[in-house]
Amino acid sequence: FPEVEEVESHGMPHFKVQGKTFANLAVNHHGD
């Protein structure tokens, strides 16, 4: 998608558009 950047925060990738997060990729978050 346009103007999207990936930022690592709290151990997971955050996908942001214009500085606002619209999706997080969570792998085994807190052992879930």
All heavy atoms as atom14 arrays in JSON, in Angstrom:
{
  "sequence": "FPEVEEVESHGMPHFKVQGKTFANLAVNHHGD",
  "atom14_mask": [
    [1, 1, 1, 1, 1, 1, 1, 1, 1, 1, 1, 0, 0, 0],
    [1, 1, 1, 1, 1, 1, 1, 0, 0, 0, 0, 0, 0, 0],
    [1, 1, 1, 1, 1, 1, 1, 1, 1, 0, 0, 0, 0, 0],
    [1, 1, 1, 1, 1, 1, 1, 0, 0, 0, 0, 0, 0, 0],
    [1, 1, 1, 1, 1, 1, 1, 1, 1, 0, 0, 0, 0, 0],
    [1, 1, 1, 1, 1, 1, 1, 1, 1, 0, 0, 0, 0, 0],
    [1, 1, 1, 1, 1, 1, 1, 0, 0, 0, 0, 0, 0, 0],
    [1, 1, 1, 1, 1, 1, 1, 1, 1, 0, 0, 0, 0, 0],
    [1, 1, 1, 1, 1, 1, 0, 0, 0, 0, 0, 0, 0, 0],
    [1, 1, 1, 1, 1, 1, 1, 1, 1, 1, 0, 0, 0, 0],
    [1, 1, 1, 1, 0, 0, 0, 0, 0, 0, 0, 0, 0, 0],
    [1, 1, 1, 1, 1, 1, 1, 1, 0, 0, 0, 0, 0, 0],
    [1, 1, 1, 1, 1, 1, 1, 0, 0, 0, 0, 0, 0, 0],
    [1, 1, 1, 1, 1, 1, 1, 1, 1, 1, 0, 0, 0, 0],
    [1, 1, 1, 1, 1, 1, 1, 1, 1, 1, 1, 0, 0, 0],
    [1, 1, 1, 1, 1, 1, 1, 1, 1, 0, 0, 0, 0, 0],
    [1, 1, 1, 1, 1, 1, 1, 0, 0, 0, 0, 0, 0, 0],
    [1, 1, 1, 1, 1, 1, 1, 1, 1, 0, 0, 0, 0, 0],
    [1, 1, 1, 1, 0, 0, 0, 0, 0, 0, 0, 0, 0, 0],
    [1, 1, 1, 1, 1, 1, 1, 1, 1, 0, 0, 0, 0, 0],
    [1, 1, 1, 1, 1, 1, 1, 0, 0, 0, 0, 0, 0, 0],
    [1, 1, 1, 1, 1, 1, 1, 1, 1, 1, 1, 0, 0, 0],
    [1, 1, 1, 1, 1, 0, 0, 0, 0, 0, 0, 0, 0, 0],
    [1, 1, 1, 1, 1, 1, 1, 1, 0, 0, 0, 0, 0, 0],
    [1, 1, 1, 1, 1, 1, 1, 1, 0, 0, 0, 0, 0, 0],
    [1, 1, 1, 1, 1, 0, 0, 0, 0, 0, 0, 0, 0, 0],
    [1, 1, 1, 1, 1, 1, 1, 0, 0, 0, 0, 0, 0, 0],
    [1, 1, 1, 1, 1, 1, 1, 1, 0, 0, 0, 0, 0, 0],
    [1, 1, 1, 1, 1, 1, 1, 1, 1, 1, 0, 0, 0, 0],
    [1, 1, 1, 1, 1, 1, 1, 1, 1, 1, 0, 0, 0, 0],
    [1, 1, 1, 1, 0, 0, 0, 0, 0, 0, 0, 0, 0, 0],
    [1, 1, 1, 1, 1, 1, 1, 1, 0, 0, 0, 0, 0, 0]
  ],
  "atom14_positions": [
    [[0.84, -1.19, 0.0], [0.0, 0.0, 0.0], [0.88, 1.25, 0.0], [2.01, 1.23, 0.5], [-0.9, 0.0, 1.24], [-1.93, -1.08, 1.25], [-1.63, -2.34, 1.76], [-3.21, -0.85, 0.75], [-2.58, -3.35, 1.77], [-4.16, -1.85, 0.76], [-3.85, -3.11, 1.27], [0.0, 0.0, 0.0], [0.0, 0.0, 0.0], [0.0, 0.0, 0.0]],
    [[0.39, 2.36, -0.53], [1.21, 3.58, -0.6], [1.47, 4.2, 0.77], [0.64, 4.12, 1.68], [0.36, 4.52, -1.47], [-1.04, 4.02, -1.33], [-0.93, 2.53, -1.18], [0.0, 0.0, 0.0], [0.0, 0.0, 0.0], [0.0, 0.0, 0.0], [0.0, 0.0, 0.0], [0.0, 0.0, 0.0], [0.0, 0.0, 0.0], [0.0, 0.0, 0.0]],
    [[2.65, 4.81, 0.88], [3.07, 5.56, 2.07], [3.11, 4.73, 3.34], [2.9, 5.24, 4.45], [2.19, 6.8, 2.26], [2.28, 7.79, 1.13], [1.65, 9.13, 1.44], [1.7, 9.55, 2.63], [1.13, 9.76, 0.51], [0.0, 0.0, 0.0], [0.0, 0.0, 0.0], [0.0, 0.0, 0.0], [0.0, 0.0, 0.0], [0.0, 0.0, 0.0]],
    [[3.38, 3.43, 3.18], [3.44, 2.53, 4.34], [4.9, 2.3, 4.72], [5.76, 2.12, 3.86], [2.75, 1.18, 4.04], [3.07, 0.16, 5.14], [1.25, 1.38, 3.94], [0.0, 0.0, 0.0], [0.0, 0.0, 0.0], [0.0, 0.0, 0.0], [0.0, 0.0, 0.0], [0.0, 0.0, 0.0], [0.0, 0.0, 0.0], [0.0, 0.0, 0.0]],
    [[5.17, 2.3, 6.02], [6.48, 1.94, 6.54], [6.32, 0.89, 7.61], [5.29, 0.83, 8.29], [7.2, 3.17, 7.11], [6.48, 3.81, 8.28], [7.27, 4.94, 8.9], [8.49, 5.01, 8.64], [6.69, 5.75, 9.65], [0.0, 0.0, 0.0], [0.0, 0.0, 0.0], [0.0, 0.0, 0.0], [0.0, 0.0, 0.0], [0.0, 0.0, 0.0]],
    [[7.33, 0.04, 7.75], [7.35, -0.98, 8.79], [8.26, -0.51, 9.92], [9.41, -0.14, 9.68], [7.85, -2.31, 8.23], [7.92, -3.42, 9.29], [8.48, -4.72, 8.75], [8.45, -4.93, 7.52], [8.96, -5.55, 9.56], [0.0, 0.0, 0.0], [0.0, 0.0, 0.0], [0.0, 0.0, 0.0], [0.0, 0.0, 0.0], [0.0, 0.0, 0.0]],
    [[7.74, -0.55, 11.13], [8.49, -0.11, 12.3], [8.44, -1.21, 13.35], [7.36, -1.77, 13.63], [7.89, 1.19, 12.89], [8.64, 1.6, 14.14], [7.91, 2.32, 11.85], [0.0, 0.0, 0.0], [0.0, 0.0, 0.0], [0.0, 0.0, 0.0], [0.0, 0.0, 0.0], [0.0, 0.0, 0.0], [0.0, 0.0, 0.0], [0.0, 0.0, 0.0]],
    [[9.58, -1.54, 13.92], [9.64, -2.55, 14.98], [9.33, -1.87, 16.32], [9.96, -0.87, 16.68], [11.02, -3.19, 15.03], [11.13, -4.37, 15.97], [10.59, -5.66, 15.37], [10.32, -5.68, 14.15], [10.45, -6.64, 16.12], [0.0, 0.0, 0.0], [0.0, 0.0, 0.0], [0.0, 0.0, 0.0], [0.0, 0.0, 0.0], [0.0, 0.0, 0.0]],
    [[8.37, -2.41, 17.05], [8.02, -1.86, 18.35], [7.52, -2.97, 19.25], [6.68, -3.78, 18.84], [6.93, -0.78, 18.19], [6.55, -0.25, 19.44], [0.0, 0.0, 0.0], [0.0, 0.0, 0.0], [0.0, 0.0, 0.0], [0.0, 0.0, 0.0], [0.0, 0.0, 0.0], [0.0, 0.0, 0.0], [0.0, 0.0, 0.0], [0.0, 0.0, 0.0]],
    [[8.06, -3.02, 20.48], [7.67, -4.05, 21.45], [7.82, -5.46, 20.88], [6.98, -6.33, 21.13], [6.24, -3.81, 21.94], [6.06, -2.49, 22.64], [6.54, -2.26, 23.91], [5.47, -1.34, 22.24], [6.24, -1.01, 24.27], [5.6, -0.43, 23.26], [0.0, 0.0, 0.0], [0.0, 0.0, 0.0], [0.0, 0.0, 0.0], [0.0, 0.0, 0.0]],
    [[8.86, -5.65, 20.08], [9.16, -6.97, 19.57], [8.31, -7.44, 18.41], [8.37, -8.62, 18.04], [0.0, 0.0, 0.0], [0.0, 0.0, 0.0], [0.0, 0.0, 0.0], [0.0, 0.0, 0.0], [0.0, 0.0, 0.0], [0.0, 0.0, 0.0], [0.0, 0.0, 0.0], [0.0, 0.0, 0.0], [0.0, 0.0, 0.0], [0.0, 0.0, 0.0]],
    [[7.52, -6.56, 17.82], [6.7, -6.98, 16.67], [6.69, -5.89, 15.6], [6.81, -4.71, 15.91], [5.27, -7.31, 17.11], [4.42, -6.13, 17.51], [2.7, -6.61, 17.87], [2.9, -7.41, 19.44], [0.0, 0.0, 0.0], [0.0, 0.0, 0.0], [0.0, 0.0, 0.0], [0.0, 0.0, 0.0], [0.0, 0.0, 0.0], [0.0, 0.0, 0.0]],
    [[6.54, -6.29, 14.33], [6.45, -5.31, 13.25], [5.1, -4.57, 13.29], [4.05, -5.2, 13.4], [6.56, -6.16, 11.98], [7.12, -7.48, 12.43], [6.6, -7.67, 13.82], [0.0, 0.0, 0.0], [0.0, 0.0, 0.0], [0.0, 0.0, 0.0], [0.0, 0.0, 0.0], [0.0, 0.0, 0.0], [0.0, 0.0, 0.0], [0.0, 0.0, 0.0]],
    [[5.18, -3.25, 13.22], [3.99, -2.4, 13.09], [4.01, -1.82, 11.68], [5.03, -1.29, 11.24], [4.01, -1.26, 14.1], [3.78, -1.69, 15.52], [2.9, -1.05, 16.35], [4.3, -2.7, 16.25], [2.89, -1.63, 17.54], [3.75, -2.64, 17.5], [0.0, 0.0, 0.0], [0.0, 0.0, 0.0], [0.0, 0.0, 0.0], [0.0, 0.0, 0.0]],
    [[2.89, -1.9, 11.0], [2.79, -1.33, 9.66], [1.99, -0.03, 9.77], [0.86, -0.03, 10.25], [2.14, -2.32, 8.69], [2.96, -3.58, 8.55], [2.66, -4.71, 9.29], [4.06, -3.61, 7.7], [3.42, -5.87, 9.19], [4.83, -4.77, 7.59], [4.51, -5.89, 8.34], [0.0, 0.0, 0.0], [0.0, 0.0, 0.0], [0.0, 0.0, 0.0]],
    [[2.64, 1.06, 9.33], [2.06, 2.38, 9.53], [1.85, 3.09, 8.2], [2.67, 2.97, 7.28], [2.97, 3.24, 10.41], [3.13, 2.71, 11.83], [3.89, 3.7, 12.7], [3.91, 3.25, 14.15], [4.47, 4.29, 15.04], [0.0, 0.0, 0.0], [0.0, 0.0, 0.0], [0.0, 0.0, 0.0], [0.0, 0.0, 0.0], [0.0, 0.0, 0.0]],
    [[0.78, 3.83, 8.12], [0.54, 4.71, 6.98], [0.43, 6.13, 7.53], [-0.35, 6.39, 8.44], [-0.72, 4.32, 6.18], [-1.97, 4.25, 7.06], [-0.93, 5.29, 5.02], [0.0, 0.0, 0.0], [0.0, 0.0, 0.0], [0.0, 0.0, 0.0], [0.0, 0.0, 0.0], [0.0, 0.0, 0.0], [0.0, 0.0, 0.0], [0.0, 0.0, 0.0]],
    [[1.27, 7.0, 7.01], [1.3, 8.4, 7.46], [1.47, 8.48, 8.98], [0.86, 9.31, 9.65], [0.02, 9.11, 7.01], [-0.13, 9.13, 5.49], [-1.49, 9.62, 5.04], [-2.5, 8.95, 5.26], [-1.51, 10.8, 4.42], [0.0, 0.0, 0.0], [0.0, 0.0, 0.0], [0.0, 0.0, 0.0], [0.0, 0.0, 0.0], [0.0, 0.0, 0.0]],
    [[2.29, 7.57, 9.51], [2.62, 7.6, 10.93], [1.63, 6.91, 11.85], [1.87, 6.83, 13.06], [0.0, 0.0, 0.0], [0.0, 0.0, 0.0], [0.0, 0.0, 0.0], [0.0, 0.0, 0.0], [0.0, 0.0, 0.0], [0.0, 0.0, 0.0], [0.0, 0.0, 0.0], [0.0, 0.0, 0.0], [0.0, 0.0, 0.0], [0.0, 0.0, 0.0]],
    [[0.55, 6.37, 11.31], [-0.46, 5.7, 12.14], [-0.49, 4.21, 11.83], [-0.51, 3.81, 10.67], [-1.83, 6.31, 11.89], [-1.95, 7.77, 12.33], [-3.36, 8.28, 12.11], [-3.5, 9.73, 12.57], [-4.87, 10.23, 12.35], [0.0, 0.0, 0.0], [0.0, 0.0, 0.0], [0.0, 0.0, 0.0], [0.0, 0.0, 0.0], [0.0, 0.0, 0.0]],
    [[-0.51, 3.38, 12.89], [-0.51, 1.93, 12.72], [-1.87, 1.43, 12.27], [-2.9, 1.8, 12.84], [-0.13, 1.24, 14.04], [1.17, 1.68, 14.44], [-0.12, -0.27, 13.89], [0.0, 0.0, 0.0], [0.0, 0.0, 0.0], [0.0, 0.0, 0.0], [0.0, 0.0, 0.0], [0.0, 0.0, 0.0], [0.0, 0.0, 0.0], [0.0, 0.0, 0.0]],
    [[-1.85, 0.58, 11.24], [-3.08, -0.07, 10.8], [-3.01, -1.59, 10.93], [-4.05, -2.26, 10.87], [-3.43, 0.32, 9.36], [-2.48, -0.2, 8.31], [-2.73, -1.39, 7.63], [-1.34, 0.52, 7.97], [-1.87, -1.85, 6.65], [-0.46, 0.06, 7.0], [-0.72, -1.13, 6.34], [0.0, 0.0, 0.0], [0.0, 0.0, 0.0], [0.0, 0.0, 0.0]],
    [[-1.8, -2.14, 11.15], [-1.66, -3.59, 11.29], [-0.4, -3.91, 12.09], [0.61, -3.24, 11.95], [-1.59, -4.25, 9.91], [0.0, 0.0, 0.0], [0.0, 0.0, 0.0], [0.0, 0.0, 0.0], [0.0, 0.0, 0.0], [0.0, 0.0, 0.0], [0.0, 0.0, 0.0], [0.0, 0.0, 0.0], [0.0, 0.0, 0.0], [0.0, 0.0, 0.0]],
    [[-0.5, -4.94, 12.92], [0.65, -5.49, 13.65], [0.78, -6.96, 13.31], [-0.23, -7.67, 13.25], [0.45, -5.38, 15.17], [0.34, -3.96, 15.66], [0.89, -3.04, 15.05], [-0.37, -3.76, 16.76], [0.0, 0.0, 0.0], [0.0, 0.0, 0.0], [0.0, 0.0, 0.0], [0.0, 0.0, 0.0], [0.0, 0.0, 0.0], [0.0, 0.0, 0.0]],
    [[2.0, -7.41, 13.09], [2.26, -8.83, 12.89], [2.77, -9.4, 14.21], [3.85, -9.03, 14.68], [3.29, -9.05, 11.78], [3.73, -10.5, 11.54], [2.55, -11.38, 11.16], [4.81, -10.56, 10.46], [0.0, 0.0, 0.0], [0.0, 0.0, 0.0], [0.0, 0.0, 0.0], [0.0, 0.0, 0.0], [0.0, 0.0, 0.0], [0.0, 0.0, 0.0]],
    [[2.0, -10.28, 14.82], [2.33, -10.83, 16.14], [2.61, -12.32, 16.03], [1.72, -13.1, 15.66], [1.18, -10.58, 17.11], [0.0, 0.0, 0.0], [0.0, 0.0, 0.0], [0.0, 0.0, 0.0], [0.0, 0.0, 0.0], [0.0, 0.0, 0.0], [0.0, 0.0, 0.0], [0.0, 0.0, 0.0], [0.0, 0.0, 0.0], [0.0, 0.0, 0.0]],
    [[3.83, -12.71, 16.34], [4.23, -14.12, 16.3], [4.45, -14.6, 17.72], [5.34, -14.13, 18.43], [5.52, -14.32, 15.46], [5.89, -15.8, 15.42], [5.32, -13.78, 14.05], [0.0, 0.0, 0.0], [0.0, 0.0, 0.0], [0.0, 0.0, 0.0], [0.0, 0.0, 0.0], [0.0, 0.0, 0.0], [0.0, 0.0, 0.0], [0.0, 0.0, 0.0]],
    [[3.59, -15.52, 18.17], [3.69, -16.1, 19.51], [3.74, -15.01, 20.58], [4.56, -15.05, 21.51], [4.93, -16.99, 19.62], [4.88, -17.92, 20.83], [3.84, -18.46, 21.17], [6.01, -18.1, 21.49], [0.0, 0.0, 0.0], [0.0, 0.0, 0.0], [0.0, 0.0, 0.0], [0.0, 0.0, 0.0], [0.0, 0.0, 0.0], [0.0, 0.0, 0.0]],
    [[2.85, -14.04, 20.47], [2.86, -12.92, 21.41], [2.61, -13.42, 22.82], [1.58, -14.01, 23.13], [1.79, -11.9, 21.01], [1.71, -10.73, 21.94], [2.66, -9.75, 21.98], [0.8, -10.4, 22.88], [2.34, -8.85, 22.89], [1.22, -9.23, 23.47], [0.0, 0.0, 0.0], [0.0, 0.0, 0.0], [0.0, 0.0, 0.0], [0.0, 0.0, 0.0]],
    [[3.59, -13.19, 23.69], [3.52, -13.63, 25.09], [3.15, -15.11, 25.2], [2.42, -15.51, 26.11], [2.53, -12.77, 25.88], [3.04, -11.37, 26.11], [2.3, -10.41, 26.76], [4.21, -10.76, 25.77], [3.0, -9.28, 26.82], [4.16, -9.48, 26.21], [0.0, 0.0, 0.0], [0.0, 0.0, 0.0], [0.0, 0.0, 0.0], [0.0, 0.0, 0.0]],
    [[3.64, -15.9, 24.23], [3.44, -17.33, 24.28], [2.06, -17.8, 23.9], [1.67, -18.92, 24.28], [0.0, 0.0, 0.0], [0.0, 0.0, 0.0], [0.0, 0.0, 0.0], [0.0, 0.0, 0.0], [0.0, 0.0, 0.0], [0.0, 0.0, 0.0], [0.0, 0.0, 0.0], [0.0, 0.0, 0.0], [0.0, 0.0, 0.0], [0.0, 0.0, 0.0]],
    [[1.31, -17.02, 23.11], [-0.05, -17.43, 22.78], [-0.12, -18.47, 21.67], [-1.2, -19.01, 21.37], [-0.93, -16.22, 22.42], [-0.51, -15.52, 21.12], [0.43, -15.99, 20.43], [-1.12, -14.48, 20.79], [0.0, 0.0, 0.0], [0.0, 0.0, 0.0], [0.0, 0.0, 0.0], [0.0, 0.0, 0.0], [0.0, 0.0, 0.0], [0.0, 0.0, 0.0]]
  ]
}
